[in-house]
Amino acid sequence: MTFVFEITDKTGRKIYLTKGRWTHITSPASLHPYMTNYYKHIKEEKAYLLVGVKYLNGKGFVITSFLIRKIMRR
C-alpha cells in the first residue's frame, strides 16, 4: 500500500492517506475535486476542512475529505 502522508492524531494513533484514497478525493468524478488545491480554497471559501478517518486495528485511514461552512456538533 502506498501512502501519500502519515500523521499522528491527538490520541497518538497513526493516520494514513493512501494513494488510492487521494485519487478518489481529487478525481473529477468525485463531488469535491477542488481538494487538489484545498489550501488555497479554504481561505477563499471561508470554510473548514473536514477529514473523515476510519480506524482499524489502531491505525487510522483517511476515507474522505471536503470543505464545510459550519462545524458539525454531535
PDB file of N, CA and C in Angstrom:
ATOM      1  N   MET A   1       0.847  -1.168   0.000  1.00  0.00           N
ATOM      2  CA  MET A   1       0.000   0.000   0.000  1.00  0.00           C
ATOM      3  C   MET A   1       0.899   1.239   0.000  1.00  0.00           C
ATOM      4  N   THR A   2       0.632   2.181  -0.892  1.00  0.00           N
ATOM      5  CA  THR A   2       1.415   3.406  -0.998  1.00  0.00           C
ATOM      6  C   THR A   2       0.714   4.526  -0.240  1.00  0.00           C
ATOM      7  N   PHE A   3       1.444   5.216   0.641  1.00  0.00           N
ATOM      8  CA  PHE A   3       0.871   6.304   1.426  1.00  0.00           C
ATOM      9  C   PHE A   3       1.312   7.651   0.868  1.00  0.00           C
ATOM     10  N   VAL A   4       0.366   8.602   0.809  1.00  0.00           N
ATOM     11  CA  VAL A   4       0.674   9.975   0.414  1.00  0.00           C
ATOM     12  C   VAL A   4       1.261  10.704   1.615  1.00  0.00           C
ATOM     13  N   PHE A   5       0.686  10.464   2.798  1.00  0.00           N
ATOM     14  CA  PHE A   5       1.266  11.003   4.024  1.00  0.00           C
ATOM     15  C   PHE A   5       0.826  10.180   5.219  1.00  0.00           C
ATOM     16  N   GLU A   6       1.532  10.421   6.320  1.00  0.00           N
ATOM     17  CA  GLU A   6       1.248   9.768   7.604  1.00  0.00           C
ATOM     18  C   GLU A   6       1.336  10.842   8.668  1.00  0.00           C
ATOM     19  N   ILE A   7       0.402  10.812   9.615  1.00  0.00           N
ATOM     20  CA  ILE A   7       0.384  11.799  10.694  1.00  0.00           C
ATOM     21  C   ILE A   7      -0.086  11.099  11.964  1.00  0.00           C
ATOM     22  N   THR A   8       0.213  11.646  13.119  1.00  0.00           N
ATOM     23  CA  THR A   8      -0.246  11.095  14.383  1.00  0.00           C
ATOM     24  C   THR A   8      -1.376  11.966  14.920  1.00  0.00           C
ATOM     25  N   ASP A   9      -2.504  11.332  15.305  1.00  0.00           N
ATOM     26  CA  ASP A   9      -3.623  12.112  15.830  1.00  0.00           C
ATOM     27  C   ASP A   9      -3.380  12.482  17.280  1.00  0.00           C
ATOM     28  N   LYS A  10      -4.314  13.228  17.882  1.00  0.00           N
ATOM     29  CA  LYS A  10      -4.120  13.732  19.242  1.00  0.00           C
ATOM     30  C   LYS A  10      -4.095  12.633  20.297  1.00  0.00           C
ATOM     31  N   THR A  11      -4.547  11.407  19.950  1.00  0.00           N
ATOM     32  CA  THR A  11      -4.504  10.286  20.897  1.00  0.00           C
ATOM     33  C   THR A  11      -3.279   9.406  20.692  1.00  0.00           C
ATOM     34  N   GLY A  12      -2.411   9.798  19.745  1.00  0.00           N
ATOM     35  CA  GLY A  12      -1.182   9.051  19.499  1.00  0.00           C
ATOM     36  C   GLY A  12      -1.289   7.964  18.441  1.00  0.00           C
ATOM     37  N   ARG A  13      -2.457   7.831  17.819  1.00  0.00           N
ATOM     38  CA  ARG A  13      -2.627   6.818  16.769  1.00  0.00           C
ATOM     39  C   ARG A  13      -2.191   7.386  15.421  1.00  0.00           C
ATOM     40  N   LYS A  14      -1.629   6.538  14.583  1.00  0.00           N
ATOM     41  CA  LYS A  14      -1.182   6.933  13.243  1.00  0.00           C
ATOM     42  C   LYS A  14      -2.388   6.988  12.302  1.00  0.00           C
ATOM     43  N   ILE A  15      -2.388   8.004  11.434  1.00  0.00           N
ATOM     44  CA  ILE A  15      -3.402   8.134  10.384  1.00  0.00           C
ATOM     45  C   ILE A  15      -2.660   8.167   9.065  1.00  0.00           C
ATOM     46  N   TYR A  16      -3.158   7.413   8.095  1.00  0.00           N
ATOM     47  CA  TYR A  16      -2.531   7.307   6.782  1.00  0.00           C
ATOM     48  C   TYR A  16      -3.495   7.768   5.699  1.00  0.00           C
ATOM     49  N   LEU A  17      -2.957   8.406   4.677  1.00  0.00           N
ATOM     50  CA  LEU A  17      -3.718   8.708   3.470  1.00  0.00           C
ATOM     51  C   LEU A  17      -3.080   7.887   2.364  1.00  0.00           C
ATOM     52  N   THR A  18      -3.851   6.943   1.818  1.00  0.00           N
ATOM     53  CA  THR A  18      -3.313   6.097   0.755  1.00  0.00           C
ATOM     54  C   THR A  18      -3.421   6.809  -0.585  1.00  0.00           C
ATOM     55  N   LYS A  19      -2.596   6.394  -1.508  1.00  0.00           N
ATOM     56  CA  LYS A  19      -2.633   6.966  -2.855  1.00  0.00           C
ATOM     57  C   LYS A  19      -4.003   6.747  -3.491  1.00  0.00           C
ATOM     58  N   GLY A  20      -4.604   5.591  -3.246  1.00  0.00           N
ATOM     59  CA  GLY A  20      -5.937   5.296  -3.792  1.00  0.00           C
ATOM     60  C   GLY A  20      -7.007   6.238  -3.278  1.00  0.00           C
ATOM     61  N   ARG A  21      -6.988   6.542  -1.973  1.00  0.00           N
ATOM     62  CA  ARG A  21      -7.965   7.472  -1.389  1.00  0.00           C
ATOM     63  C   ARG A  21      -7.729   8.875  -1.922  1.00  0.00           C
ATOM     64  N   TRP A  22      -6.462   9.293  -2.056  1.00  0.00           N
ATOM     65  CA  TRP A  22      -6.153  10.624  -2.595  1.00  0.00           C
ATOM     66  C   TRP A  22      -6.672  10.753  -4.021  1.00  0.00           C
ATOM     67  N   THR A  23      -6.492   9.699  -4.812  1.00  0.00           N
ATOM     68  CA  THR A  23      -7.005   9.705  -6.190  1.00  0.00           C
ATOM     69  C   THR A  23      -8.524   9.838  -6.179  1.00  0.00           C
ATOM     70  N   HIS A  24      -9.191   9.108  -5.268  1.00  0.00           N
ATOM     71  CA  HIS A  24     -10.649   9.206  -5.157  1.00  0.00           C
ATOM     72  C   HIS A  24     -11.086  10.617  -4.760  1.00  0.00           C
ATOM     73  N   ILE A  25     -10.436  11.182  -3.751  1.00  0.00           N
ATOM     74  CA  ILE A  25     -10.819  12.501  -3.238  1.00  0.00           C
ATOM     75  C   ILE A  25     -10.632  13.591  -4.286  1.00  0.00           C
ATOM     76  N   THR A  26      -9.590  13.508  -5.098  1.00  0.00           N
ATOM     77  CA  THR A  26      -9.279  14.584  -6.052  1.00  0.00           C
ATOM     78  C   THR A  26      -9.725  14.297  -7.479  1.00  0.00           C
ATOM     79  N   SER A  27     -10.385  13.182  -7.716  1.00  0.00           N
ATOM     80  CA  SER A  27     -10.785  12.850  -9.090  1.00  0.00           C
ATOM     81  C   SER A  27     -11.903  13.772  -9.571  1.00  0.00           C
ATOM     82  N   PRO A  28     -11.943  14.059 -10.868  1.00  0.00           N
ATOM     83  CA  PRO A  28     -13.008  14.892 -11.423  1.00  0.00           C
ATOM     84  C   PRO A  28     -14.393  14.275 -11.214  1.00  0.00           C
ATOM     85  N   ALA A  29     -14.474  12.972 -11.067  1.00  0.00           N
ATOM     86  CA  ALA A  29     -15.766  12.299 -10.878  1.00  0.00           C
ATOM     87  C   ALA A  29     -16.294  12.454  -9.452  1.00  0.00           C
ATOM     88  N   SER A  30     -15.427  12.825  -8.503  1.00  0.00           N
ATOM     89  CA  SER A  30     -15.875  12.982  -7.114  1.00  0.00           C
ATOM     90  C   SER A  30     -16.652  14.286  -6.984  1.00  0.00           C
ATOM     91  N   LEU A  31     -17.312  14.447  -5.861  1.00  0.00           N
ATOM     92  CA  LEU A  31     -18.079  15.673  -5.624  1.00  0.00           C
ATOM     93  C   LEU A  31     -17.210  16.812  -5.099  1.00  0.00           C
ATOM     94  N   HIS A  32     -15.913  16.549  -4.902  1.00  0.00           N
ATOM     95  CA  HIS A  32     -15.042  17.580  -4.357  1.00  0.00           C
ATOM     96  C   HIS A  32     -13.641  17.551  -4.973  1.00  0.00           C
ATOM     97  N   PRO A  33     -13.540  17.713  -6.309  1.00  0.00           N
ATOM     98  CA  PRO A  33     -12.233  17.716  -6.952  1.00  0.00           C
ATOM     99  C   PRO A  33     -11.389  18.939  -6.588  1.00  0.00           C
ATOM    100  N   TYR A  34     -12.004  19.972  -5.991  1.00  0.00           N
ATOM    101  CA  TYR A  34     -11.267  21.163  -5.570  1.00  0.00           C
ATOM    102  C   TYR A  34     -10.230  20.826  -4.503  1.00  0.00           C
ATOM    103  N   MET A  35     -10.302  19.637  -3.896  1.00  0.00           N
ATOM    104  CA  MET A  35      -9.366  19.256  -2.846  1.00  0.00           C
ATOM    105  C   MET A  35      -7.931  19.186  -3.337  1.00  0.00           C
ATOM    106  N   THR A  36      -7.721  19.109  -4.652  1.00  0.00           N
ATOM    107  CA  THR A  36      -6.361  19.070  -5.180  1.00  0.00           C
ATOM    108  C   THR A  36      -5.564  20.276  -4.688  1.00  0.00           C
ATOM    109  N   ASN A  37      -6.195  21.428  -4.630  1.00  0.00           N
ATOM    110  CA  ASN A  37      -5.538  22.659  -4.182  1.00  0.00           C
ATOM    111  C   ASN A  37      -6.295  23.262  -2.997  1.00  0.00           C
ATOM    112  N   TYR A  38      -6.693  22.433  -2.038  1.00  0.00           N
ATOM    113  CA  TYR A  38      -7.607  22.898  -0.994  1.00  0.00           C
ATOM    114  C   TYR A  38      -7.043  24.007  -0.116  1.00  0.00           C
ATOM    115  N   TYR A  39      -5.711  24.104   0.077  1.00  0.00           N
ATOM    116  CA  TYR A  39      -5.192  25.173   0.934  1.00  0.00           C
ATOM    117  C   TYR A  39      -5.624  26.543   0.426  1.00  0.00           C
ATOM    118  N   LYS A  40      -5.553  26.735  -0.855  1.00  0.00           N
ATOM    119  CA  LYS A  40      -5.969  27.996  -1.458  1.00  0.00           C
ATOM    120  C   LYS A  40      -7.470  28.207  -1.270  1.00  0.00           C
ATOM    121  N   HIS A  41      -8.247  27.167  -1.469  1.00  0.00           N
ATOM    122  CA  HIS A  41      -9.697  27.288  -1.414  1.00  0.00           C
ATOM    123  C   HIS A  41     -10.249  27.487  -0.006  1.00  0.00           C
ATOM    124  N   ILE A  42      -9.603  26.969   0.996  1.00  0.00           N
ATOM    125  CA  ILE A  42     -10.099  27.165   2.358  1.00  0.00           C
ATOM    126  C   ILE A  42     -10.176  28.650   2.676  1.00  0.00           C
ATOM    127  N   LYS A  43      -9.129  29.379   2.362  1.00  0.00           N
ATOM    128  CA  LYS A  43      -9.118  30.809   2.637  1.00  0.00           C
ATOM    129  C   LYS A  43     -10.165  31.537   1.791  1.00  0.00           C
ATOM    130  N   GLU A  44     -10.239  31.204   0.538  1.00  0.00           N
ATOM    131  CA  GLU A  44     -11.182  31.866  -0.360  1.00  0.00           C
ATOM    132  C   GLU A  44     -12.631  31.526  -0.039  1.00  0.00           C
ATOM    133  N   GLU A  45     -12.887  30.295   0.368  1.00  0.00           N
ATOM    134  CA  GLU A  45     -14.251  29.831   0.617  1.00  0.00           C
ATOM    135  C   GLU A  45     -14.732  30.098   2.037  1.00  0.00           C
ATOM    136  N   LYS A  46     -13.840  30.505   2.933  1.00  0.00           N
ATOM    137  CA  LYS A  46     -14.176  30.718   4.337  1.00  0.00           C
ATOM    138  C   LYS A  46     -14.862  29.478   4.892  1.00  0.00           C
ATOM    139  N   ALA A  47     -14.183  28.358   4.776  1.00  0.00           N
ATOM    140  CA  ALA A  47     -14.748  27.076   5.182  1.00  0.00           C
ATOM    141  C   ALA A  47     -13.726  26.282   5.989  1.00  0.00           C
ATOM    142  N   TYR A  48     -14.213  25.218   6.601  1.00  0.00           N
ATOM    143  CA  TYR A  48     -13.367  24.296   7.355  1.00  0.00           C
ATOM    144  C   TYR A  48     -13.117  23.051   6.527  1.00  0.00           C
ATOM    145  N   LEU A  49     -11.970  22.451   6.730  1.00  0.00           N
ATOM    146  CA  LEU A  49     -11.656  21.199   6.060  1.00  0.00           C
ATOM    147  C   LEU A  49     -12.060  20.053   6.979  1.00  0.00           C
ATOM    148  N   LEU A  50     -12.997  19.223   6.545  1.00  0.00           N
ATOM    149  CA  LEU A  50     -13.408  18.044   7.295  1.00  0.00           C
ATOM    150  C   LEU A  50     -12.704  16.840   6.696  1.00  0.00           C
ATOM    151  N   VAL A  51     -12.043  16.055   7.537  1.00  0.00           N
ATOM    152  CA  VAL A  51     -11.346  14.858   7.080  1.00  0.00           C
ATOM    153  C   VAL A  51     -11.971  13.672   7.801  1.00  0.00           C
ATOM    154  N   GLY A  52     -12.538  12.742   7.032  1.00  0.00           N
ATOM    155  CA  GLY A  52     -13.136  11.535   7.597  1.00  0.00           C
ATOM    156  C   GLY A  52     -12.092  10.442   7.723  1.00  0.00           C
ATOM    157  N   VAL A  53     -11.948   9.879   8.944  1.00  0.00           N
ATOM    158  CA  VAL A  53     -10.941   8.855   9.218  1.00  0.00           C
ATOM    159  C   VAL A  53     -11.635   7.615   9.772  1.00  0.00           C
ATOM    160  N   LYS A  54     -11.204   6.448   9.304  1.00  0.00           N
ATOM    161  CA  LYS A  54     -11.695   5.172   9.816  1.00  0.00           C
ATOM    162  C   LYS A  54     -10.528   4.473  10.506  1.00  0.00           C
ATOM    163  N   TYR A  55     -10.731   3.992  11.727  1.00  0.00           N
ATOM    164  CA  TYR A  55      -9.689   3.308  12.479  1.00  0.00           C
ATOM    165  C   TYR A  55      -9.878   1.796  12.399  1.00  0.00           C
ATOM    166  N   LEU A  56      -8.808   1.089  12.057  1.00  0.00           N
ATOM    167  CA  LEU A  56      -8.782  -0.371  12.013  1.00  0.00           C
ATOM    168  C   LEU A  56      -7.526  -0.849  12.717  1.00  0.00           C
ATOM    169  N   ASN A  57      -7.692  -1.674  13.730  1.00  0.00           N
ATOM    170  CA  ASN A  57      -6.547  -2.227  14.464  1.00  0.00           C
ATOM    171  C   ASN A  57      -5.577  -1.152  14.953  1.00  0.00           C
ATOM    172  N   GLY A  58      -6.124  -0.047  15.439  1.00  0.00           N
ATOM    173  CA  GLY A  58      -5.296   1.020  15.984  1.00  0.00           C
ATOM    174  C   GLY A  58      -4.682   1.958  14.971  1.00  0.00           C
ATOM    175  N   LYS A  59      -4.918   1.730  13.668  1.00  0.00           N
ATOM    176  CA  LYS A  59      -4.400   2.613  12.625  1.00  0.00           C
ATOM    177  C   LYS A  59      -5.571   3.339  11.977  1.00  0.00           C
ATOM    178  N   GLY A  60      -5.376   4.604  11.656  1.00  0.00           N
ATOM    179  CA  GLY A  60      -6.415   5.403  11.015  1.00  0.00           C
ATOM    180  C   GLY A  60      -6.135   5.577   9.537  1.00  0.00           C
ATOM    181  N   PHE A  61      -7.196   5.509   8.739  1.00  0.00           N
ATOM    182  CA  PHE A  61      -7.075   5.689   7.301  1.00  0.00           C
ATOM    183  C   PHE A  61      -8.059   6.770   6.856  1.00  0.00           C
ATOM    184  N   VAL A  62      -7.565   7.747   6.097  1.00  0.00           N
ATOM    185  CA  VAL A  62      -8.428   8.793   5.570  1.00  0.00           C
ATOM    186  C   VAL A  62      -9.394   8.153   4.581  1.00  0.00           C
ATOM    187  N   ILE A  63     -10.672   8.389   4.788  1.00  0.00           N
ATOM    188  CA  ILE A  63     -11.713   7.861   3.911  1.00  0.00           C
ATOM    189  C   ILE A  63     -12.146   8.928   2.909  1.00  0.00           C
ATOM    190  N   THR A  64     -12.327  10.171   3.381  1.00  0.00           N
ATOM    191  CA  THR A  64     -12.741  11.265   2.517  1.00  0.00           C
ATOM    192  C   THR A  64     -12.345  12.587   3.157  1.00  0.00           C
ATOM    193  N   SER A  65     -12.462  13.648   2.405  1.00  0.00           N
ATOM    194  CA  SER A  65     -12.275  14.995   2.939  1.00  0.00           C
ATOM    195  C   SER A  65     -12.980  15.979   2.029  1.00  0.00           C
ATOM    196  N   PHE A  66     -13.505  17.039   2.652  1.00  0.00           N
ATOM    197  CA  PHE A  66     -14.213  18.060   1.879  1.00  0.00           C
ATOM    198  C   PHE A  66     -14.363  19.304   2.734  1.00  0.00           C
ATOM    199  N   LEU A  67     -14.773  20.405   2.107  1.00  0.00           N
ATOM    200  CA  LEU A  67     -14.969  21.669   2.818  1.00  0.00           C
ATOM    201  C   LEU A  67     -16.383  21.761   3.344  1.00  0.00           C
ATOM    202  N   ILE A  68     -16.522  22.334   4.553  1.00  0.00           N
ATOM    203  CA  ILE A  68     -17.841  22.597   5.142  1.00  0.00           C
ATOM    204  C   ILE A  68     -17.861  24.025   5.646  1.00  0.00           C
ATOM    205  N   ARG A  69     -19.023  24.622   5.697  1.00  0.00           N
ATOM    206  CA  ARG A  69     -19.144  26.007   6.156  1.00  0.00           C
ATOM    207  C   ARG A  69     -19.260  26.106   7.689  1.00  0.00           C
ATOM    208  N   LYS A  70     -19.900  25.108   8.312  1.00  0.00           N
ATOM    209  CA  LYS A  70     -20.077  25.120   9.757  1.00  0.00           C
ATOM    210  C   LYS A  70     -19.537  23.829  10.353  1.00  0.00           C
ATOM    211  N   ILE A  71     -19.006  23.928  11.562  1.00  0.00           N
ATOM    212  CA  ILE A  71     -18.533  22.746  12.262  1.00  0.00           C
ATOM    213  C   ILE A  71     -19.742  21.995  12.795  1.00  0.00           C
ATOM    214  N   MET A  72     -19.821  20.714  12.498  1.00  0.00           N
ATOM    215  CA  MET A  72     -20.938  19.888  12.943  1.00  0.00           C
ATOM    216  C   MET A  72     -20.682  19.437  14.380  1.00  0.00           C
ATOM    217  N   ARG A  73     -21.677  19.519  15.206  1.00  0.00           N
ATOM    218  CA  ARG A  73     -21.580  19.077  16.598  1.00  0.00           C
ATOM    219  C   ARG A  73     -22.418  17.823  16.777  1.00  0.00           C
ATOM    220  N   ARG A  74     -21.923  16.899  17.593  1.00  0.00           N
ATOM    221  CA  ARG A  74     -22.702  15.685  17.888  1.00  0.00           C
ATOM    222  C   ARG A  74     -23.460  15.870  19.164  1.00  0.00           C
TER     223      ARG A  74
END
